[in-house]
Amino acid sequence: MRFLRLLFTPRGLFAATGLAAVGLVAGGMGLQQTLNIAACPLCILQRMLYLLLALEAIAAWTLAGPTHPTALPQRMAALVMAATALTGAGIAAYQTWLQRFARGVSCTADQPWWESFVNWAGSQWPLLFEASGLCSEAGWKFLGLSIAEWSLIAFTSMTLAMLLALRRDKAR
């Protein structure tokens, strides 16, 4: 019971979100390597956001520590993490729409700045960021949901966790 009480503190929520983000990146890379799944540019962008969330979680966990008696840095960290997770949810929702409803559509009609960034990152660190798949192909599914749909659930849960961290902070 004490563990659950600690988990639902802002510091616990930051740690859980960071660990989940790292776990999802590791799981995605594992699936990519073992099942030979090609990640698409939107998948890689989501992976980047999970890694950003993990870095933000480390900073937030530090800011929520006992050496910081004021709640403002903790609130700001929760807001930044909520914005990052919400951005990821939007990207995952767009990819889900592409996979379920759009026919004959790829990631984008032209190459926007973020796709150029993903291509650059893939050339720098191919194992982690190389995008060679199509965004509109669902590929592997688990319990009837694609990876993009599971990512939407994960990002939405992380957004809600950060909103809960804000609420818990106000209850102090």
N, C-alpha and C. Protein backbone atom coordinates (compact mmCIF):
# COMPACT_ATOMS: atom_id res chain seq x y z
N MET A 1 0.82 -1.19 0.00
CA MET A 1 0.00 0.00 0.00
C MET A 1 0.87 1.26 0.00
N ARG A 2 1.99 1.20 0.69
CA ARG A 2 2.88 2.36 0.74
C ARG A 2 3.44 2.66 -0.66
N PHE A 3 3.71 1.59 -1.42
CA PHE A 3 4.21 1.76 -2.78
C PHE A 3 3.21 2.54 -3.63
N LEU A 4 1.93 2.20 -3.55
CA LEU A 4 0.91 2.91 -4.33
C LEU A 4 0.81 4.36 -3.91
N ARG A 5 0.95 4.60 -2.61
CA ARG A 5 0.90 5.98 -2.13
C ARG A 5 2.08 6.78 -2.69
N LEU A 6 3.25 6.15 -2.73
CA LEU A 6 4.43 6.83 -3.29
C LEU A 6 4.31 7.01 -4.81
N LEU A 7 3.72 6.01 -5.48
CA LEU A 7 3.57 6.09 -6.92
C LEU A 7 2.70 7.27 -7.33
N PHE A 8 1.68 7.56 -6.55
CA PHE A 8 0.76 8.63 -6.92
C PHE A 8 1.14 9.99 -6.35
N THR A 9 2.41 10.14 -5.97
CA THR A 9 2.94 11.46 -5.66
C THR A 9 3.49 12.03 -6.96
N PRO A 10 3.69 13.34 -7.05
CA PRO A 10 4.28 13.87 -8.28
C PRO A 10 5.61 13.21 -8.62
N ARG A 11 6.46 13.00 -7.63
CA ARG A 11 7.76 12.38 -7.88
C ARG A 11 7.59 10.94 -8.40
N GLY A 12 6.66 10.21 -7.85
CA GLY A 12 6.40 8.86 -8.32
C GLY A 12 5.85 8.83 -9.73
N LEU A 13 4.98 9.78 -10.04
CA LEU A 13 4.42 9.86 -11.39
C LEU A 13 5.50 10.23 -12.42
N PHE A 14 6.42 11.12 -12.02
CA PHE A 14 7.53 11.47 -12.91
C PHE A 14 8.39 10.23 -13.18
N ALA A 15 8.71 9.49 -12.12
CA ALA A 15 9.54 8.30 -12.27
C ALA A 15 8.84 7.24 -13.12
N ALA A 16 7.57 7.01 -12.86
CA ALA A 16 6.83 5.99 -13.62
C ALA A 16 6.74 6.37 -15.10
N THR A 17 6.51 7.64 -15.38
CA THR A 17 6.43 8.09 -16.77
C THR A 17 7.77 7.94 -17.47
N GLY A 18 8.84 8.31 -16.81
CA GLY A 18 10.18 8.18 -17.39
C GLY A 18 10.54 6.73 -17.65
N LEU A 19 10.27 5.87 -16.68
CA LEU A 19 10.57 4.44 -16.85
C LEU A 19 9.71 3.82 -17.95
N ALA A 20 8.45 4.21 -18.02
CA ALA A 20 7.57 3.69 -19.08
C ALA A 20 8.08 4.15 -20.45
N ALA A 21 8.51 5.39 -20.55
CA ALA A 21 9.01 5.91 -21.83
C ALA A 21 10.24 5.14 -22.28
N VAL A 22 11.17 4.90 -21.37
CA VAL A 22 12.38 4.14 -21.71
C VAL A 22 12.00 2.71 -22.08
N GLY A 23 11.08 2.12 -21.34
CA GLY A 23 10.63 0.77 -21.63
C GLY A 23 9.96 0.65 -22.99
N LEU A 24 9.18 1.65 -23.36
CA LEU A 24 8.51 1.63 -24.66
C LEU A 24 9.51 1.76 -25.81
N VAL A 25 10.53 2.59 -25.63
CA VAL A 25 11.56 2.70 -26.66
C VAL A 25 12.31 1.37 -26.79
N ALA A 26 12.68 0.79 -25.65
CA ALA A 26 13.39 -0.50 -25.68
C ALA A 26 12.51 -1.59 -26.30
N GLY A 27 11.23 -1.60 -25.94
CA GLY A 27 10.31 -2.58 -26.52
C GLY A 27 10.15 -2.40 -28.02
N GLY A 28 10.04 -1.15 -28.44
CA GLY A 28 9.92 -0.86 -29.87
C GLY A 28 11.16 -1.29 -30.65
N MET A 29 12.32 -1.03 -30.07
CA MET A 29 13.55 -1.45 -30.74
C MET A 29 13.66 -2.98 -30.76
N GLY A 30 13.21 -3.60 -29.69
CA GLY A 30 13.22 -5.06 -29.65
C GLY A 30 12.31 -5.66 -30.71
N LEU A 31 11.11 -5.12 -30.83
CA LEU A 31 10.19 -5.59 -31.88
C LEU A 31 10.77 -5.35 -33.27
N GLN A 32 11.38 -4.20 -33.44
CA GLN A 32 11.95 -3.85 -34.73
C GLN A 32 13.04 -4.85 -35.12
N GLN A 33 13.88 -5.23 -34.16
CA GLN A 33 14.99 -6.13 -34.45
C GLN A 33 14.54 -7.58 -34.58
N THR A 34 13.68 -8.05 -33.67
CA THR A 34 13.31 -9.47 -33.67
C THR A 34 12.28 -9.82 -34.74
N LEU A 35 11.32 -8.93 -34.99
CA LEU A 35 10.27 -9.22 -35.97
C LEU A 35 10.53 -8.57 -37.32
N ASN A 36 11.67 -7.89 -37.43
CA ASN A 36 12.05 -7.23 -38.68
C ASN A 36 10.99 -6.22 -39.13
N ILE A 37 10.52 -5.41 -38.19
CA ILE A 37 9.52 -4.38 -38.48
C ILE A 37 10.26 -3.09 -38.84
N ALA A 38 9.86 -2.46 -39.92
CA ALA A 38 10.48 -1.21 -40.34
C ALA A 38 9.72 -0.04 -39.70
N ALA A 39 10.43 0.78 -38.97
CA ALA A 39 9.83 1.97 -38.35
C ALA A 39 9.65 3.06 -39.41
N CYS A 40 8.53 3.76 -39.31
CA CYS A 40 8.26 4.86 -40.25
C CYS A 40 8.68 6.19 -39.62
N PRO A 41 8.67 7.28 -40.38
CA PRO A 41 9.04 8.57 -39.81
C PRO A 41 8.18 8.99 -38.61
N LEU A 42 6.88 8.70 -38.64
CA LEU A 42 6.04 9.06 -37.50
C LEU A 42 6.38 8.20 -36.28
N CYS A 43 6.74 6.94 -36.51
CA CYS A 43 7.17 6.06 -35.41
C CYS A 43 8.44 6.61 -34.77
N ILE A 44 9.38 7.02 -35.60
CA ILE A 44 10.64 7.56 -35.10
C ILE A 44 10.40 8.86 -34.35
N LEU A 45 9.52 9.69 -34.85
CA LEU A 45 9.20 10.94 -34.15
C LEU A 45 8.61 10.65 -32.77
N GLN A 46 7.75 9.63 -32.69
CA GLN A 46 7.20 9.23 -31.39
C GLN A 46 8.30 8.69 -30.49
N ARG A 47 9.21 7.92 -31.05
CA ARG A 47 10.35 7.40 -30.27
C ARG A 47 11.17 8.55 -29.69
N MET A 48 11.38 9.58 -30.50
CA MET A 48 12.13 10.75 -30.04
C MET A 48 11.39 11.43 -28.88
N LEU A 49 10.07 11.51 -28.99
CA LEU A 49 9.28 12.13 -27.91
C LEU A 49 9.32 11.29 -26.64
N TYR A 50 9.33 9.96 -26.77
CA TYR A 50 9.47 9.11 -25.58
C TYR A 50 10.82 9.36 -24.91
N LEU A 51 11.87 9.48 -25.71
CA LEU A 51 13.19 9.76 -25.14
C LEU A 51 13.23 11.14 -24.49
N LEU A 52 12.59 12.11 -25.12
CA LEU A 52 12.50 13.45 -24.52
C LEU A 52 11.74 13.39 -23.20
N LEU A 53 10.66 12.64 -23.17
CA LEU A 53 9.90 12.47 -21.92
C LEU A 53 10.77 11.85 -20.83
N ALA A 54 11.59 10.89 -21.19
CA ALA A 54 12.48 10.26 -20.21
C ALA A 54 13.47 11.28 -19.64
N LEU A 55 14.03 12.12 -20.50
CA LEU A 55 14.95 13.17 -20.03
C LEU A 55 14.21 14.19 -19.16
N GLU A 56 13.02 14.57 -19.58
CA GLU A 56 12.22 15.51 -18.79
C GLU A 56 11.86 14.89 -17.44
N ALA A 57 11.61 13.59 -17.42
CA ALA A 57 11.24 12.91 -16.17
C ALA A 57 12.41 12.93 -15.18
N ILE A 58 13.62 12.77 -15.69
CA ILE A 58 14.79 12.84 -14.80
C ILE A 58 14.88 14.22 -14.17
N ALA A 59 14.72 15.26 -14.99
CA ALA A 59 14.76 16.63 -14.46
C ALA A 59 13.61 16.87 -13.49
N ALA A 60 12.42 16.41 -13.84
CA ALA A 60 11.25 16.62 -12.98
C ALA A 60 11.39 15.88 -11.67
N TRP A 61 11.90 14.67 -11.71
CA TRP A 61 12.09 13.88 -10.50
C TRP A 61 13.06 14.60 -9.56
N THR A 62 14.09 15.19 -10.14
CA THR A 62 15.06 15.95 -9.35
C THR A 62 14.40 17.20 -8.76
N LEU A 63 13.62 17.89 -9.55
CA LEU A 63 12.96 19.12 -9.09
C LEU A 63 11.90 18.85 -8.03
N ALA A 64 11.35 17.65 -8.04
CA ALA A 64 10.31 17.30 -7.07
C ALA A 64 10.91 16.72 -5.78
N GLY A 65 12.21 16.70 -5.70
CA GLY A 65 12.88 16.11 -4.54
C GLY A 65 12.76 16.96 -3.29
N PRO A 66 13.22 16.42 -2.17
CA PRO A 66 13.10 17.11 -0.88
C PRO A 66 13.94 18.38 -0.78
N THR A 67 14.93 18.55 -1.66
CA THR A 67 15.76 19.75 -1.60
C THR A 67 15.11 20.96 -2.27
N HIS A 68 13.97 20.76 -2.91
CA HIS A 68 13.24 21.85 -3.56
C HIS A 68 11.90 22.04 -2.85
N PRO A 69 11.84 22.90 -1.88
CA PRO A 69 10.61 23.04 -1.10
C PRO A 69 9.46 23.72 -1.85
N THR A 70 9.75 24.47 -2.88
CA THR A 70 8.66 25.16 -3.59
C THR A 70 8.10 24.25 -4.68
N ALA A 71 6.85 24.44 -4.99
CA ALA A 71 6.17 23.58 -5.95
C ALA A 71 6.25 24.12 -7.38
N LEU A 72 6.67 25.36 -7.58
CA LEU A 72 6.67 25.95 -8.92
C LEU A 72 7.53 25.17 -9.92
N PRO A 73 8.78 24.80 -9.60
CA PRO A 73 9.56 24.03 -10.58
C PRO A 73 8.91 22.69 -10.92
N GLN A 74 8.32 22.08 -9.94
CA GLN A 74 7.63 20.80 -10.13
C GLN A 74 6.42 20.97 -11.04
N ARG A 75 5.67 22.04 -10.84
CA ARG A 75 4.51 22.32 -11.69
C ARG A 75 4.94 22.57 -13.13
N MET A 76 6.01 23.35 -13.28
CA MET A 76 6.49 23.65 -14.62
C MET A 76 6.95 22.37 -15.33
N ALA A 77 7.64 21.50 -14.60
CA ALA A 77 8.09 20.24 -15.18
C ALA A 77 6.90 19.38 -15.60
N ALA A 78 5.88 19.33 -14.76
CA ALA A 78 4.69 18.54 -15.09
C ALA A 78 3.99 19.12 -16.32
N LEU A 79 3.94 20.43 -16.44
CA LEU A 79 3.32 21.05 -17.61
C LEU A 79 4.11 20.77 -18.88
N VAL A 80 5.43 20.86 -18.80
CA VAL A 80 6.27 20.57 -19.97
C VAL A 80 6.10 19.11 -20.39
N MET A 81 6.10 18.20 -19.40
CA MET A 81 5.93 16.78 -19.72
C MET A 81 4.54 16.50 -20.28
N ALA A 82 3.54 17.18 -19.75
CA ALA A 82 2.18 17.00 -20.28
C ALA A 82 2.11 17.48 -21.73
N ALA A 83 2.76 18.59 -22.03
CA ALA A 83 2.76 19.11 -23.40
C ALA A 83 3.49 18.15 -24.34
N THR A 84 4.60 17.58 -23.90
CA THR A 84 5.33 16.62 -24.72
C THR A 84 4.49 15.37 -24.97
N ALA A 85 3.87 14.86 -23.92
CA ALA A 85 3.03 13.66 -24.06
C ALA A 85 1.81 13.94 -24.93
N LEU A 86 1.23 15.11 -24.81
CA LEU A 86 0.08 15.47 -25.63
C LEU A 86 0.49 15.59 -27.11
N THR A 87 1.67 16.11 -27.36
CA THR A 87 2.19 16.16 -28.73
C THR A 87 2.34 14.75 -29.30
N GLY A 88 2.89 13.85 -28.48
CA GLY A 88 3.02 12.46 -28.90
C GLY A 88 1.68 11.81 -29.16
N ALA A 89 0.69 12.12 -28.33
CA ALA A 89 -0.65 11.58 -28.54
C ALA A 89 -1.23 12.08 -29.86
N GLY A 90 -0.99 13.33 -30.18
CA GLY A 90 -1.47 13.87 -31.45
C GLY A 90 -0.83 13.19 -32.65
N ILE A 91 0.46 12.93 -32.57
CA ILE A 91 1.17 12.26 -33.66
C ILE A 91 0.68 10.81 -33.78
N ALA A 92 0.52 10.14 -32.64
CA ALA A 92 0.04 8.75 -32.67
C ALA A 92 -1.40 8.69 -33.19
N ALA A 93 -2.22 9.69 -32.84
CA ALA A 93 -3.60 9.73 -33.34
C ALA A 93 -3.61 9.94 -34.86
N TYR A 94 -2.73 10.81 -35.34
CA TYR A 94 -2.64 11.03 -36.79
C TYR A 94 -2.22 9.74 -37.50
N GLN A 95 -1.23 9.05 -36.94
CA GLN A 95 -0.78 7.80 -37.56
C GLN A 95 -1.88 6.74 -37.50
N THR A 96 -2.62 6.69 -36.41
CA THR A 96 -3.75 5.77 -36.30
C THR A 96 -4.79 6.07 -37.38
N TRP A 97 -5.06 7.35 -37.59
CA TRP A 97 -6.01 7.75 -38.64
C TRP A 97 -5.49 7.31 -40.01
N LEU A 98 -4.18 7.52 -40.25
CA LEU A 98 -3.60 7.09 -41.53
C LEU A 98 -3.79 5.59 -41.74
N GLN A 99 -3.56 4.82 -40.67
CA GLN A 99 -3.63 3.36 -40.79
C GLN A 99 -5.06 2.85 -40.92
N ARG A 100 -5.98 3.48 -40.26
CA ARG A 100 -7.35 2.97 -40.23
C ARG A 100 -8.24 3.53 -41.35
N PHE A 101 -8.07 4.79 -41.68
CA PHE A 101 -9.06 5.45 -42.55
C PHE A 101 -8.51 6.00 -43.85
N ALA A 102 -7.28 6.45 -43.88
CA ALA A 102 -6.73 7.06 -45.09
C ALA A 102 -6.28 5.97 -46.05
N ARG A 103 -6.65 6.05 -47.27
CA ARG A 103 -6.25 5.07 -48.27
C ARG A 103 -5.37 5.76 -49.31
N GLY A 104 -4.26 5.13 -49.60
CA GLY A 104 -3.35 5.67 -50.61
C GLY A 104 -2.60 6.90 -50.15
N VAL A 105 -2.49 7.09 -48.84
CA VAL A 105 -1.79 8.25 -48.31
C VAL A 105 -0.58 7.76 -47.53
N SER A 106 0.55 8.43 -47.73
CA SER A 106 1.74 8.10 -46.96
C SER A 106 1.81 9.03 -45.76
N CYS A 107 2.99 9.19 -45.20
CA CYS A 107 3.14 10.07 -44.02
C CYS A 107 2.68 11.49 -44.35
N THR A 108 3.23 12.03 -45.41
CA THR A 108 2.89 13.40 -45.81
C THR A 108 2.94 13.52 -47.32
N ALA A 109 2.37 14.57 -47.82
CA ALA A 109 2.39 14.81 -49.26
C ALA A 109 3.77 15.30 -49.72
N ASP A 110 4.42 16.09 -48.91
CA ASP A 110 5.77 16.55 -49.21
C ASP A 110 6.64 16.25 -47.99
N GLN A 111 7.88 16.65 -48.01
CA GLN A 111 8.76 16.35 -46.89
C GLN A 111 8.86 17.58 -45.97
N PRO A 112 8.13 17.57 -44.85
CA PRO A 112 8.18 18.69 -43.93
C PRO A 112 9.48 18.68 -43.12
N TRP A 113 9.68 19.73 -42.34
CA TRP A 113 10.92 19.87 -41.57
C TRP A 113 11.15 18.70 -40.63
N TRP A 114 10.10 18.17 -40.01
CA TRP A 114 10.30 17.10 -39.04
C TRP A 114 10.75 15.82 -39.71
N GLU A 115 10.29 15.56 -40.94
CA GLU A 115 10.72 14.36 -41.65
C GLU A 115 12.18 14.49 -42.06
N SER A 116 12.60 15.70 -42.41
CA SER A 116 14.01 15.94 -42.70
C SER A 116 14.85 15.72 -41.45
N PHE A 117 14.33 16.15 -40.30
CA PHE A 117 15.01 15.96 -39.03
C PHE A 117 15.13 14.47 -38.70
N VAL A 118 14.07 13.71 -38.92
CA VAL A 118 14.09 12.26 -38.68
C VAL A 118 15.12 11.60 -39.60
N ASN A 119 15.16 12.00 -40.87
CA ASN A 119 16.15 11.44 -41.81
C ASN A 119 17.57 11.77 -41.36
N TRP A 120 17.79 13.00 -40.90
CA TRP A 120 19.11 13.38 -40.40
C TRP A 120 19.48 12.55 -39.18
N ALA A 121 18.55 12.41 -38.24
CA ALA A 121 18.81 11.62 -37.03
C ALA A 121 19.09 10.16 -37.39
N GLY A 122 18.37 9.64 -38.37
CA GLY A 122 18.60 8.27 -38.82
C GLY A 122 19.97 8.07 -39.42
N SER A 123 20.49 9.10 -40.08
CA SER A 123 21.84 8.99 -40.64
C SER A 123 22.90 9.09 -39.54
N GLN A 124 22.58 9.74 -38.44
CA GLN A 124 23.51 9.88 -37.32
C GLN A 124 23.53 8.63 -36.44
N TRP A 125 22.35 8.05 -36.18
CA TRP A 125 22.23 6.89 -35.29
C TRP A 125 21.18 5.95 -35.87
N PRO A 126 21.55 5.17 -36.87
CA PRO A 126 20.58 4.34 -37.59
C PRO A 126 19.85 3.32 -36.72
N LEU A 127 20.54 2.70 -35.77
CA LEU A 127 19.90 1.68 -34.95
C LEU A 127 18.68 2.22 -34.22
N LEU A 128 18.73 3.47 -33.80
CA LEU A 128 17.66 4.07 -33.02
C LEU A 128 16.66 4.88 -33.84
N PHE A 129 17.16 5.55 -34.89
CA PHE A 129 16.31 6.53 -35.57
C PHE A 129 16.09 6.32 -37.07
N GLU A 130 16.56 5.23 -37.65
CA GLU A 130 16.37 5.04 -39.08
C GLU A 130 14.91 4.73 -39.40
N ALA A 131 14.36 5.49 -40.33
CA ALA A 131 12.95 5.32 -40.73
C ALA A 131 12.90 4.76 -42.14
N SER A 132 12.42 3.52 -42.26
CA SER A 132 12.35 2.91 -43.59
C SER A 132 10.97 2.32 -43.89
N GLY A 133 10.03 2.46 -42.96
CA GLY A 133 8.70 1.92 -43.16
C GLY A 133 7.71 2.95 -43.65
N LEU A 134 6.50 2.49 -43.91
CA LEU A 134 5.42 3.37 -44.35
C LEU A 134 4.48 3.63 -43.16
N CYS A 135 4.11 4.87 -42.97
CA CYS A 135 3.26 5.25 -41.84
C CYS A 135 1.85 4.67 -41.95
N SER A 136 1.40 4.44 -43.16
CA SER A 136 0.03 3.97 -43.34
C SER A 136 -0.13 2.47 -43.17
N GLU A 137 0.97 1.74 -43.03
CA GLU A 137 0.90 0.29 -42.84
C GLU A 137 0.96 -0.03 -41.36
N ALA A 138 -0.06 -0.72 -40.87
CA ALA A 138 -0.12 -1.05 -39.45
C ALA A 138 0.92 -2.10 -39.07
N GLY A 139 1.21 -3.02 -39.96
CA GLY A 139 2.21 -4.04 -39.66
C GLY A 139 1.77 -4.94 -38.51
N TRP A 140 2.59 -5.05 -37.51
CA TRP A 140 2.36 -5.93 -36.37
C TRP A 140 1.25 -5.40 -35.47
N LYS A 141 0.41 -6.30 -34.97
CA LYS A 141 -0.67 -5.92 -34.06
C LYS A 141 -0.64 -6.80 -32.82
N PHE A 142 -1.10 -6.24 -31.72
CA PHE A 142 -1.21 -6.97 -30.46
C PHE A 142 -2.59 -6.69 -29.90
N LEU A 143 -3.35 -7.73 -29.63
CA LEU A 143 -4.74 -7.61 -29.16
C LEU A 143 -5.58 -6.76 -30.11
N GLY A 144 -5.29 -6.86 -31.39
CA GLY A 144 -6.07 -6.16 -32.41
C GLY A 144 -5.70 -4.70 -32.60
N LEU A 145 -4.71 -4.20 -31.86
CA LEU A 145 -4.31 -2.80 -31.99
C LEU A 145 -2.90 -2.72 -32.57
N SER A 146 -2.70 -1.71 -33.43
CA SER A 146 -1.38 -1.50 -34.02
C SER A 146 -0.46 -0.82 -33.00
N ILE A 147 0.80 -0.74 -33.35
CA ILE A 147 1.76 -0.07 -32.48
C ILE A 147 1.38 1.40 -32.31
N ALA A 148 0.89 2.03 -33.37
CA ALA A 148 0.48 3.44 -33.27
C ALA A 148 -0.68 3.60 -32.28
N GLU A 149 -1.61 2.65 -32.29
CA GLU A 149 -2.75 2.72 -31.36
C GLU A 149 -2.29 2.50 -29.92
N TRP A 150 -1.35 1.57 -29.72
CA TRP A 150 -0.80 1.37 -28.37
C TRP A 150 -0.03 2.62 -27.94
N SER A 151 0.66 3.24 -28.87
CA SER A 151 1.39 4.47 -28.55
C SER A 151 0.43 5.60 -28.17
N LEU A 152 -0.71 5.67 -28.85
CA LEU A 152 -1.73 6.66 -28.50
C LEU A 152 -2.21 6.44 -27.07
N ILE A 153 -2.44 5.19 -26.71
CA ILE A 153 -2.86 4.87 -25.34
C ILE A 153 -1.76 5.27 -24.35
N ALA A 154 -0.51 4.96 -24.67
CA ALA A 154 0.60 5.28 -23.77
C ALA A 154 0.76 6.78 -23.59
N PHE A 155 0.78 7.53 -24.70
CA PHE A 155 0.94 8.98 -24.59
C PHE A 155 -0.23 9.62 -23.85
N THR A 156 -1.44 9.13 -24.10
CA THR A 156 -2.61 9.67 -23.40
C THR A 156 -2.50 9.39 -21.90
N SER A 157 -2.06 8.19 -21.55
CA SER A 157 -1.88 7.84 -20.13
C SER A 157 -0.82 8.72 -19.48
N MET A 158 0.25 9.00 -20.21
CA MET A 158 1.31 9.86 -19.68
C MET A 158 0.81 11.29 -19.50
N THR A 159 0.00 11.75 -20.43
CA THR A 159 -0.58 13.09 -20.29
C THR A 159 -1.45 13.15 -19.04
N LEU A 160 -2.29 12.14 -18.87
CA LEU A 160 -3.16 12.09 -17.68
C LEU A 160 -2.34 12.00 -16.40
N ALA A 161 -1.24 11.24 -16.43
CA ALA A 161 -0.38 11.14 -15.25
C ALA A 161 0.21 12.50 -14.88
N MET A 162 0.58 13.28 -15.88
CA MET A 162 1.15 14.60 -15.59
C MET A 162 0.08 15.56 -15.09
N LEU A 163 -1.13 15.44 -15.59
CA LEU A 163 -2.23 16.26 -15.07
C LEU A 163 -2.53 15.86 -13.62
N LEU A 164 -2.43 14.57 -13.33
CA LEU A 164 -2.60 14.09 -11.96
C LEU A 164 -1.48 14.62 -11.07
N ALA A 165 -0.26 14.68 -11.60
CA ALA A 165 0.87 15.24 -10.84
C ALA A 165 0.60 16.71 -10.50
N LEU A 166 0.02 17.44 -11.44
CA LEU A 166 -0.34 18.84 -11.17
C LEU A 166 -1.41 18.94 -10.10
N ARG A 167 -2.37 18.05 -10.17
CA ARG A 167 -3.47 18.05 -9.19
C ARG A 167 -2.95 17.67 -7.80
N ARG A 168 -2.09 16.68 -7.75
CA ARG A 168 -1.50 16.25 -6.47
C ARG A 168 -0.67 17.37 -5.87
N ASP A 169 -0.01 18.10 -6.76
CA ASP A 169 0.82 19.20 -6.28
C ASP A 169 -0.03 20.28 -5.62
N LYS A 170 -1.20 20.56 -6.18
CA LYS A 170 -2.09 21.58 -5.62
C LYS A 170 -2.68 21.15 -4.29
N ALA A 171 -2.76 19.84 -4.07
CA ALA A 171 -3.35 19.31 -2.84
C ALA A 171 -2.40 19.43 -1.65
N ARG A 172 -1.15 19.80 -1.91
CA ARG A 172 -0.18 19.92 -0.83
C ARG A 172 -0.58 20.92 0.21
